[in-house]
Amino acid sequence: MTDFFSFLARNGRWIAGGFLLCFFSSFGQTFFIALSNADIRDAFDLSHGEFGVLYMAATISSAATLPFLGGLLDRYPVAAVSAGTMAMLAVAALALPLAGSVIALGLALYLLRLFGQGMMTEIALTAVGKWFNANRGRAVSVASLGHHVGTAIFPFLFVFAAGFAGWRGAWMISAGIVALLALPLIVALVRQERDPKGDPLPATIRPVTDRTRAEVLKDPNFYVILCGVLAPPFIGTTIFFHQVYLTDLRGWPLEIFALGFMVMSISTMGFSLVAGWLVDRHSSVRLLPTFLLPLAAACLVAAYVDDVWAIFAFMSLLGVSTGFSSTLAGSLWPELYGAAHLGAIRSIVVSGMVLFTALGPGVTGFLIDQGVDYPGQIAAMGFYCLAASLLMFAISRRMTIRQAGDVR
């Protein structure tokens, strides 16, 4: 533990910069946008399915744009890319409450998803992945806690702000926070970049061959792994986007469900740190077969249990998988493919994540409008996680052999 705190003290500015990038990405995350779901649908007279499709279109568009921006981190300083991204995120947060048409609403959602969920996360995890070698797992796990602290804090802050300023006013306040607080603070922290040569790999760990994005896209193992690592954002986004509908079906008080976010965040933060320690000790690849199992259990609880305690069981289990996957999101790709082209490679991964978070609300909203049982949909997600865990077991063995140099 002393070594861990010493590590944080020595590298505080870079880890804090990654943490705050993740933290302020909340303004473009589904859980935050979904807090205005009902108000937006009422303001624009949209059904669940119509808003879900609009949100899906905006998110898919942002996913298509992200690969063109992700490579900027391989060519320009982190501080410069961060400043531009946060300036655009502030514009997006201001554009949403000022939207006067469905088209303007869609454009605001596109910008929020691109520069909030997409680029802010891309910058944070790519930068930390490049800055650290032997302690990458610990560095990523602490930086990624920003996502979970944001999930725990921002719903309550938004509800409080909306209580006296209305939902539109709360979004305007959010824009001010990004422009006046987040931007100057983060730029000051990441202006000086860290040299990873000061964090050499142990002699027992073989350095990985740097691969280009084109080479990674030709690797079939890459797509198999994506089937697993994209499941948590897909499922979490889907359930959070339709959280009001789920609570209505179950008869759960929305206030109690909101408390579940805090439980989930505590669980996520704890297991993110555990995952960081395990990654540095055993490698990311060896964790692949297990991280989806708690998510499978979480889905089955949400699908089949009506009692209020199910909220906290579901959120706790979801937090376990989210904690592990958030650490893997930053440590897995440089471990497999090197850091030289990490920005370009991660842009494809984050683009896939954004795409999957778009499909979830849109497809599920359409199925709800068609009368398809929503708990049944959640159960299907749980069974998918069980199947994906078996697939991850096979790919973990294959990639471990490749890392040892037996398979190229």
Protein backbone atom coordinates (compact mmCIF):
# COMPACT_ATOMS: atom_id res chain seq x y z
CA MET A 1 0.00 0.00 0.00
CA THR A 2 2.91 2.35 0.81
CA ASP A 3 4.34 1.65 -2.64
CA PHE A 4 0.98 2.45 -4.23
CA PHE A 5 0.72 5.86 -2.54
CA SER A 6 4.35 6.57 -3.38
CA PHE A 7 3.54 5.78 -7.01
CA LEU A 8 0.60 8.22 -6.93
CA ALA A 9 2.72 10.94 -5.32
CA ARG A 10 5.42 10.63 -7.98
CA ASN A 11 2.96 10.68 -10.87
CA GLY A 12 0.12 12.74 -9.47
CA ARG A 13 -0.20 15.35 -12.23
CA TRP A 14 -0.51 12.82 -15.08
CA ILE A 15 -2.88 10.48 -13.25
CA ALA A 16 -4.95 13.46 -12.08
CA GLY A 17 -5.14 14.72 -15.66
CA GLY A 18 -6.43 11.36 -16.87
CA PHE A 19 -8.83 11.14 -13.92
CA LEU A 20 -10.35 14.58 -14.65
CA LEU A 21 -10.67 13.85 -18.37
CA CYS A 22 -12.71 10.76 -17.47
CA PHE A 23 -14.62 12.66 -14.78
CA PHE A 24 -15.74 15.52 -17.04
CA SER A 25 -16.56 13.14 -19.88
CA SER A 26 -19.75 12.58 -17.84
CA PHE A 27 -21.44 15.46 -19.68
CA GLY A 28 -21.44 13.34 -22.84
CA GLN A 29 -22.20 9.99 -21.21
CA THR A 30 -25.59 8.33 -21.57
CA PHE A 31 -26.30 8.23 -17.82
CA PHE A 32 -26.07 12.05 -17.71
CA ILE A 33 -28.00 12.77 -20.91
CA ALA A 34 -30.69 10.27 -19.82
CA LEU A 35 -31.45 12.45 -16.79
CA SER A 36 -33.19 14.79 -19.27
CA ASN A 37 -34.80 11.94 -21.23
CA ALA A 38 -38.40 12.66 -20.23
CA ASP A 39 -38.00 16.46 -20.48
CA ILE A 40 -36.49 16.23 -23.95
CA ARG A 41 -39.19 13.85 -25.18
CA ASP A 42 -41.88 16.17 -23.81
CA ALA A 43 -40.28 19.29 -25.30
CA PHE A 44 -40.03 17.75 -28.78
CA ASP A 45 -43.05 15.41 -28.57
CA LEU A 46 -40.99 12.24 -29.11
CA SER A 47 -41.86 8.66 -28.13
CA HIS A 48 -39.39 6.29 -26.44
CA GLY A 49 -38.58 4.74 -29.79
CA GLU A 50 -38.30 8.03 -31.69
CA PHE A 51 -35.91 9.55 -29.18
CA GLY A 52 -33.99 6.28 -29.01
CA VAL A 53 -33.54 6.27 -32.79
CA LEU A 54 -32.45 9.93 -32.78
CA TYR A 55 -29.97 9.20 -30.01
CA MET A 56 -28.75 6.14 -31.88
CA ALA A 57 -28.26 8.15 -35.09
CA ALA A 58 -26.32 10.86 -33.24
CA THR A 59 -24.14 8.30 -31.50
CA ILE A 60 -23.46 6.26 -34.64
CA SER A 61 -22.45 9.46 -36.43
CA SER A 62 -20.05 10.29 -33.61
CA ALA A 63 -18.62 6.76 -33.79
CA ALA A 64 -18.03 7.19 -37.53
CA THR A 65 -16.22 10.50 -36.91
CA LEU A 66 -14.03 9.35 -34.03
CA PRO A 67 -11.41 7.37 -36.04
CA PHE A 68 -10.57 10.55 -37.95
CA LEU A 69 -9.86 12.39 -34.68
CA GLY A 70 -8.25 9.66 -32.56
CA GLY A 71 -5.00 9.67 -34.51
CA LEU A 72 -4.43 13.30 -33.45
CA LEU A 73 -3.00 11.97 -30.19
CA ASP A 74 -0.20 10.25 -32.10
CA ARG A 75 0.80 13.56 -33.73
CA TYR A 76 -0.05 16.44 -31.39
CA PRO A 77 0.47 17.18 -27.67
CA VAL A 78 -2.15 15.87 -25.26
CA ALA A 79 -2.74 19.40 -23.90
CA ALA A 80 -3.63 20.79 -27.34
CA VAL A 81 -6.02 17.97 -28.21
CA SER A 82 -7.59 18.20 -24.74
CA ALA A 83 -8.19 21.95 -25.01
CA GLY A 84 -9.91 21.66 -28.39
CA THR A 85 -12.02 18.74 -27.23
CA MET A 86 -13.24 20.48 -24.08
CA ALA A 87 -14.04 23.68 -25.96
CA MET A 88 -16.29 21.68 -28.29
CA LEU A 89 -17.85 19.80 -25.36
CA ALA A 90 -18.81 23.13 -23.78
CA VAL A 91 -20.40 24.23 -27.07
CA ALA A 92 -22.35 20.96 -27.22
CA ALA A 93 -23.61 21.28 -23.63
CA LEU A 94 -24.86 24.77 -24.44
CA ALA A 95 -26.40 23.74 -27.77
CA LEU A 96 -28.65 21.07 -26.22
CA PRO A 97 -30.87 23.37 -24.11
CA LEU A 98 -30.95 25.97 -26.88
CA ALA A 99 -32.04 23.52 -29.59
CA GLY A 100 -35.18 24.74 -31.33
CA SER A 101 -35.83 21.76 -33.59
CA VAL A 102 -35.31 18.02 -33.73
CA ILE A 103 -32.46 18.54 -36.20
CA ALA A 104 -30.70 20.93 -33.81
CA LEU A 105 -31.32 18.47 -30.97
CA GLY A 106 -29.72 15.69 -33.01
CA LEU A 107 -26.67 17.87 -33.76
CA ALA A 108 -26.25 18.72 -30.07
CA LEU A 109 -26.45 15.03 -29.13
CA TYR A 110 -23.89 14.20 -31.83
CA LEU A 111 -21.42 16.73 -30.44
CA LEU A 112 -21.98 15.60 -26.86
CA ARG A 113 -21.35 11.97 -27.75
CA LEU A 114 -18.33 12.73 -29.96
CA PHE A 115 -16.47 15.10 -27.67
CA GLY A 116 -17.83 13.89 -24.32
CA GLN A 117 -18.03 10.12 -24.30
CA GLY A 118 -15.76 9.66 -27.32
CA MET A 119 -12.80 12.05 -27.34
CA MET A 120 -12.54 12.74 -23.59
CA THR A 121 -12.30 9.00 -22.89
CA GLU A 122 -10.00 8.49 -25.88
CA ILE A 123 -7.58 11.18 -24.68
CA ALA A 124 -7.53 9.97 -21.06
CA LEU A 125 -6.88 6.29 -21.65
CA THR A 126 -4.60 6.76 -24.66
CA ALA A 127 -2.43 9.29 -22.83
CA VAL A 128 -2.13 7.18 -19.68
CA GLY A 129 -1.47 4.08 -21.77
CA LYS A 130 1.39 5.88 -23.52
CA TRP A 131 2.83 7.46 -20.38
CA PHE A 132 3.21 4.24 -18.35
CA ASN A 133 4.76 0.82 -18.93
CA ALA A 134 5.27 -1.50 -15.96
CA ASN A 135 2.69 0.30 -13.80
CA ARG A 136 0.16 0.80 -16.57
CA GLY A 137 -2.54 -1.25 -14.81
CA ARG A 138 -2.40 0.86 -11.65
CA ALA A 139 -2.23 4.13 -13.58
CA VAL A 140 -5.20 3.26 -15.79
CA SER A 141 -7.27 1.94 -12.88
CA VAL A 142 -6.87 5.18 -10.92
CA ALA A 143 -7.43 7.46 -13.93
CA SER A 144 -10.54 5.54 -15.00
CA LEU A 145 -12.04 6.09 -11.55
CA GLY A 146 -12.99 9.50 -12.92
CA HIS A 147 -15.79 7.86 -14.88
CA HIS A 148 -17.20 6.24 -11.78
CA VAL A 149 -16.87 9.25 -9.50
CA GLY A 150 -18.71 11.22 -12.16
CA THR A 151 -21.44 8.58 -12.28
CA ALA A 152 -21.82 8.82 -8.50
CA ILE A 153 -21.84 12.61 -8.24
CA PHE A 154 -23.29 14.18 -11.37
CA PRO A 155 -26.83 12.70 -11.26
CA PHE A 156 -27.43 14.32 -7.87
CA LEU A 157 -25.82 17.60 -8.92
CA PHE A 158 -27.91 17.74 -12.09
CA VAL A 159 -31.15 17.01 -10.25
CA PHE A 160 -30.26 19.71 -7.70
CA ALA A 161 -29.44 22.27 -10.41
CA ALA A 162 -32.54 21.40 -12.43
CA GLY A 163 -34.63 21.91 -9.28
CA PHE A 164 -33.98 25.66 -9.25
CA ALA A 165 -32.81 26.35 -12.83
CA GLY A 166 -34.86 23.82 -14.83
CA TRP A 167 -33.34 21.14 -17.05
CA ARG A 168 -32.26 23.69 -19.64
CA GLY A 169 -30.58 25.83 -17.00
CA ALA A 170 -28.78 22.79 -15.60
CA TRP A 171 -27.27 22.11 -19.03
CA MET A 172 -26.13 25.73 -19.32
CA ILE A 173 -24.43 25.42 -15.94
CA SER A 174 -22.74 22.25 -17.20
CA ALA A 175 -21.37 24.14 -20.22
CA GLY A 176 -19.91 26.77 -17.90
CA ILE A 177 -18.24 24.13 -15.72
CA VAL A 178 -16.50 22.57 -18.73
CA ALA A 179 -15.29 25.89 -20.17
CA LEU A 180 -14.30 27.70 -16.98
CA LEU A 181 -13.15 24.88 -14.70
CA ALA A 182 -12.34 21.66 -16.56
CA LEU A 183 -10.48 23.15 -19.54
CA PRO A 184 -7.87 25.29 -17.76
CA LEU A 185 -7.33 22.79 -14.96
CA ILE A 186 -6.76 19.76 -17.19
CA VAL A 187 -4.57 21.63 -19.68
CA ALA A 188 -2.36 22.79 -16.80
CA LEU A 189 -1.96 19.20 -15.57
CA VAL A 190 -1.15 17.53 -18.90
CA ARG A 191 0.91 20.34 -20.46
CA GLN A 192 4.09 18.48 -19.43
CA GLU A 193 3.98 14.89 -20.71
CA ARG A 194 5.53 11.92 -18.95
CA ASP A 195 8.42 9.92 -20.43
CA PRO A 196 7.56 6.19 -20.10
CA LYS A 197 11.27 5.33 -20.21
CA GLY A 198 11.33 6.16 -16.51
CA ASP A 199 8.92 3.26 -15.94
CA PRO A 200 10.75 0.31 -17.59
CA LEU A 201 9.23 -3.13 -17.98
CA PRO A 202 10.54 -5.87 -15.68
CA ALA A 203 13.08 -8.18 -17.29
CA THR A 204 10.58 -11.05 -17.09
CA ILE A 205 8.15 -9.24 -19.41
CA ARG A 206 8.94 -9.25 -23.11
CA PRO A 207 8.37 -5.96 -24.94
CA VAL A 208 5.51 -6.10 -27.42
CA THR A 209 5.91 -5.36 -31.12
CA ASP A 210 4.29 -2.05 -32.06
CA ARG A 211 1.56 -2.59 -34.63
CA THR A 212 -0.16 -0.06 -36.85
CA ARG A 213 -3.92 0.37 -37.00
CA ALA A 214 -3.97 -1.34 -40.41
CA GLU A 215 -2.17 -4.38 -38.96
CA VAL A 216 -4.53 -4.54 -36.00
CA LEU A 217 -7.57 -4.43 -38.26
CA LYS A 218 -6.23 -7.50 -40.08
CA ASP A 219 -5.94 -9.46 -36.82
CA PRO A 220 -9.08 -11.65 -36.30
CA ASN A 221 -8.30 -11.88 -32.58
CA PHE A 222 -8.99 -8.15 -32.30
CA TYR A 223 -12.62 -8.59 -33.33
CA VAL A 224 -13.15 -11.57 -31.05
CA ILE A 225 -11.92 -9.60 -28.05
CA LEU A 226 -14.21 -6.71 -29.00
CA CYS A 227 -17.19 -9.06 -28.62
CA GLY A 228 -16.37 -9.21 -24.93
CA VAL A 229 -15.03 -5.78 -24.03
CA LEU A 230 -17.90 -3.93 -25.72
CA ALA A 231 -20.59 -5.82 -23.80
CA PRO A 232 -20.43 -3.73 -20.58
CA PRO A 233 -20.90 -0.33 -22.29
CA PHE A 234 -23.67 -1.74 -24.48
CA ILE A 235 -25.60 -3.23 -21.57
CA GLY A 236 -24.96 -0.45 -19.08
CA THR A 237 -25.96 2.26 -21.54
CA THR A 238 -29.12 0.41 -22.56
CA ILE A 239 -30.35 -0.08 -19.02
CA PHE A 240 -29.47 3.43 -17.87
CA PHE A 241 -31.08 5.04 -20.92
CA HIS A 242 -34.38 3.30 -20.13
CA GLN A 243 -34.00 3.49 -16.35
CA VAL A 244 -37.29 5.34 -15.88
CA TYR A 245 -39.16 2.70 -17.88
CA LEU A 246 -37.53 -0.13 -15.91
CA THR A 247 -38.42 1.44 -12.57
CA ASP A 248 -42.01 1.90 -13.74
CA LEU A 249 -42.24 -1.76 -14.73
CA ARG A 250 -40.82 -2.94 -11.42
CA GLY A 251 -42.61 -0.39 -9.24
CA TRP A 252 -39.26 0.80 -7.86
CA PRO A 253 -38.99 4.38 -6.55
CA LEU A 254 -36.77 6.37 -8.92
CA GLU A 255 -35.03 7.93 -5.90
CA ILE A 256 -33.97 4.45 -4.69
CA PHE A 257 -32.71 3.59 -8.16
CA ALA A 258 -30.68 6.82 -8.11
CA LEU A 259 -29.08 5.67 -4.84
CA GLY A 260 -28.08 2.51 -6.68
CA PHE A 261 -25.71 4.61 -8.81
CA MET A 262 -23.70 5.37 -5.70
CA VAL A 263 -23.55 1.65 -4.82
CA MET A 264 -22.46 0.87 -8.36
CA SER A 265 -19.80 3.57 -8.27
CA ILE A 266 -18.34 2.30 -4.99
CA SER A 267 -18.26 -1.25 -6.36
CA THR A 268 -16.77 -0.07 -9.63
CA MET A 269 -14.05 1.99 -8.01
CA GLY A 270 -13.03 -0.81 -5.66
CA PHE A 271 -12.83 -3.43 -8.38
CA SER A 272 -11.13 -1.07 -10.80
CA LEU A 273 -8.25 -0.78 -8.34
CA VAL A 274 -8.27 -4.55 -7.81
CA ALA A 275 -8.14 -5.02 -11.58
CA GLY A 276 -5.19 -2.62 -11.83
CA TRP A 277 -3.23 -4.69 -9.31
CA LEU A 278 -4.15 -7.92 -11.11
CA VAL A 279 -3.18 -6.53 -14.51
CA ASP A 280 0.28 -5.53 -13.29
CA ARG A 281 0.66 -8.93 -11.62
CA HIS A 282 -0.85 -11.27 -14.23
CA SER A 283 -1.57 -9.23 -17.44
CA SER A 284 -4.81 -7.97 -18.99
CA VAL A 285 -5.15 -10.98 -21.27
CA ARG A 286 -5.46 -13.39 -18.34
CA LEU A 287 -8.41 -11.42 -16.93
CA LEU A 288 -10.52 -11.71 -20.09
CA PRO A 289 -12.40 -14.97 -19.22
CA THR A 290 -13.84 -13.69 -15.92
CA PHE A 291 -14.79 -10.02 -16.16
CA LEU A 292 -18.19 -10.59 -17.83
CA LEU A 293 -19.50 -13.14 -15.32
CA PRO A 294 -20.71 -10.56 -12.74
CA LEU A 295 -22.43 -8.65 -15.55
CA ALA A 296 -24.28 -11.80 -16.58
CA ALA A 297 -25.51 -12.21 -13.00
CA ALA A 298 -26.50 -8.53 -12.85
CA CYS A 299 -28.67 -8.86 -15.97
CA LEU A 300 -30.42 -11.96 -14.67
CA VAL A 301 -31.20 -10.22 -11.38
CA ALA A 302 -32.65 -7.18 -13.19
CA ALA A 303 -34.64 -9.45 -15.51
CA TYR A 304 -36.23 -11.77 -12.96
CA VAL A 305 -36.33 -10.08 -9.51
CA ASP A 306 -39.04 -7.54 -8.62
CA ASP A 307 -38.00 -6.77 -5.03
CA VAL A 308 -36.37 -3.41 -4.30
CA TRP A 309 -33.19 -5.09 -3.03
CA ALA A 310 -32.58 -6.18 -6.62
CA ILE A 311 -31.55 -2.59 -7.42
CA PHE A 312 -28.54 -2.82 -5.14
CA ALA A 313 -27.64 -6.38 -6.15
CA PHE A 314 -27.83 -5.44 -9.82
CA MET A 315 -25.82 -2.24 -9.35
CA SER A 316 -23.15 -3.97 -7.25
CA LEU A 317 -22.61 -6.75 -9.79
CA LEU A 318 -22.64 -4.29 -12.67
CA GLY A 319 -19.99 -2.31 -10.80
CA VAL A 320 -17.70 -5.34 -10.56
CA SER A 321 -17.69 -5.91 -14.32
CA THR A 322 -17.52 -2.20 -15.08
CA GLY A 323 -14.52 -1.80 -12.77
CA PHE A 324 -12.64 -4.60 -14.46
CA SER A 325 -13.59 -3.51 -17.98
CA SER A 326 -12.63 0.14 -17.37
CA THR A 327 -9.12 -0.93 -16.40
CA LEU A 328 -8.90 -3.39 -19.29
CA ALA A 329 -10.00 -0.62 -21.68
CA GLY A 330 -6.79 1.25 -20.99
CA SER A 331 -4.30 -1.56 -20.40
CA LEU A 332 -5.27 -4.31 -22.84
CA TRP A 333 -4.54 -2.65 -26.20
CA PRO A 334 -0.99 -1.36 -25.51
CA GLU A 335 -0.26 -4.77 -23.94
CA LEU A 336 -1.29 -6.51 -27.16
CA TYR A 337 -0.30 -4.02 -29.85
CA GLY A 338 2.22 -1.57 -28.38
CA ALA A 339 1.98 2.18 -27.74
CA ALA A 340 3.44 3.75 -30.89
CA HIS A 341 0.08 3.86 -32.70
CA LEU A 342 -2.14 3.61 -29.64
CA GLY A 343 -4.19 6.71 -30.43
CA ALA A 344 -5.20 5.40 -33.84
CA ILE A 345 -5.90 1.89 -32.49
CA ARG A 346 -7.91 3.10 -29.51
CA SER A 347 -9.97 5.38 -31.76
CA ILE A 348 -11.32 2.24 -33.45
CA VAL A 349 -12.05 0.64 -30.07
CA VAL A 350 -13.75 3.75 -28.69
CA SER A 351 -15.63 4.14 -31.97
CA GLY A 352 -16.91 0.59 -31.51
CA MET A 353 -17.86 1.38 -27.92
CA VAL A 354 -19.75 4.48 -29.01
CA LEU A 355 -21.46 2.51 -31.78
CA PHE A 356 -22.59 -0.19 -29.37
CA THR A 357 -23.88 2.38 -26.89
CA ALA A 358 -25.88 3.82 -29.77
CA LEU A 359 -27.39 0.51 -30.80
CA GLY A 360 -28.53 -0.35 -27.28
CA PRO A 361 -31.00 2.51 -26.64
CA GLY A 362 -32.17 2.62 -30.25
CA VAL A 363 -32.83 -1.08 -30.75
CA THR A 364 -34.28 -1.54 -27.27
CA GLY A 365 -36.50 1.54 -27.62
CA PHE A 366 -37.81 0.19 -30.94
CA LEU A 367 -38.52 -3.22 -29.39
CA ILE A 368 -40.31 -1.59 -26.46
CA ASP A 369 -42.54 0.31 -28.90
CA GLN A 370 -43.24 -3.02 -30.63
CA GLY A 371 -44.35 -4.58 -27.34
CA VAL A 372 -41.30 -6.82 -26.82
CA ASP A 373 -40.85 -7.67 -23.14
CA TYR A 374 -38.10 -5.46 -21.72
CA PRO A 375 -37.05 -7.79 -18.87
CA GLY A 376 -36.74 -10.53 -21.49
CA GLN A 377 -34.36 -8.31 -23.44
CA ILE A 378 -32.24 -7.80 -20.32
CA ALA A 379 -32.15 -11.57 -19.70
CA ALA A 380 -30.90 -12.11 -23.27
CA MET A 381 -28.04 -9.72 -22.52
CA GLY A 382 -27.13 -11.84 -19.50
CA PHE A 383 -27.01 -15.04 -21.52
CA TYR A 384 -24.86 -13.27 -24.13
CA CYS A 385 -22.34 -12.44 -21.39
CA LEU A 386 -22.14 -16.10 -20.37
CA ALA A 387 -21.47 -17.14 -23.96
CA ALA A 388 -18.92 -14.35 -24.43
CA SER A 389 -17.07 -15.49 -21.28
CA LEU A 390 -16.51 -18.89 -22.87
CA LEU A 391 -15.22 -17.17 -26.00
CA MET A 392 -12.89 -14.98 -23.91
CA PHE A 393 -11.46 -18.09 -22.26
CA ALA A 394 -10.43 -19.45 -25.64
CA ILE A 395 -9.02 -16.17 -26.89
CA SER A 396 -7.12 -15.60 -23.64
CA ARG A 397 -5.25 -18.88 -24.09
CA ARG A 398 -4.50 -18.05 -27.72
CA MET A 399 -3.22 -14.54 -26.99
CA THR A 400 -1.12 -15.73 -24.04
CA ILE A 401 0.65 -18.16 -26.36
CA ARG A 402 1.17 -15.39 -28.93
CA GLN A 403 2.60 -13.06 -26.29
CA ALA A 404 5.07 -15.81 -25.31
CA GLY A 405 6.31 -15.81 -28.89
CA ASP A 406 5.02 -19.25 -29.91
CA VAL A 407 2.39 -17.81 -32.28
CA ARG A 408 2.79 -14.68 -34.41
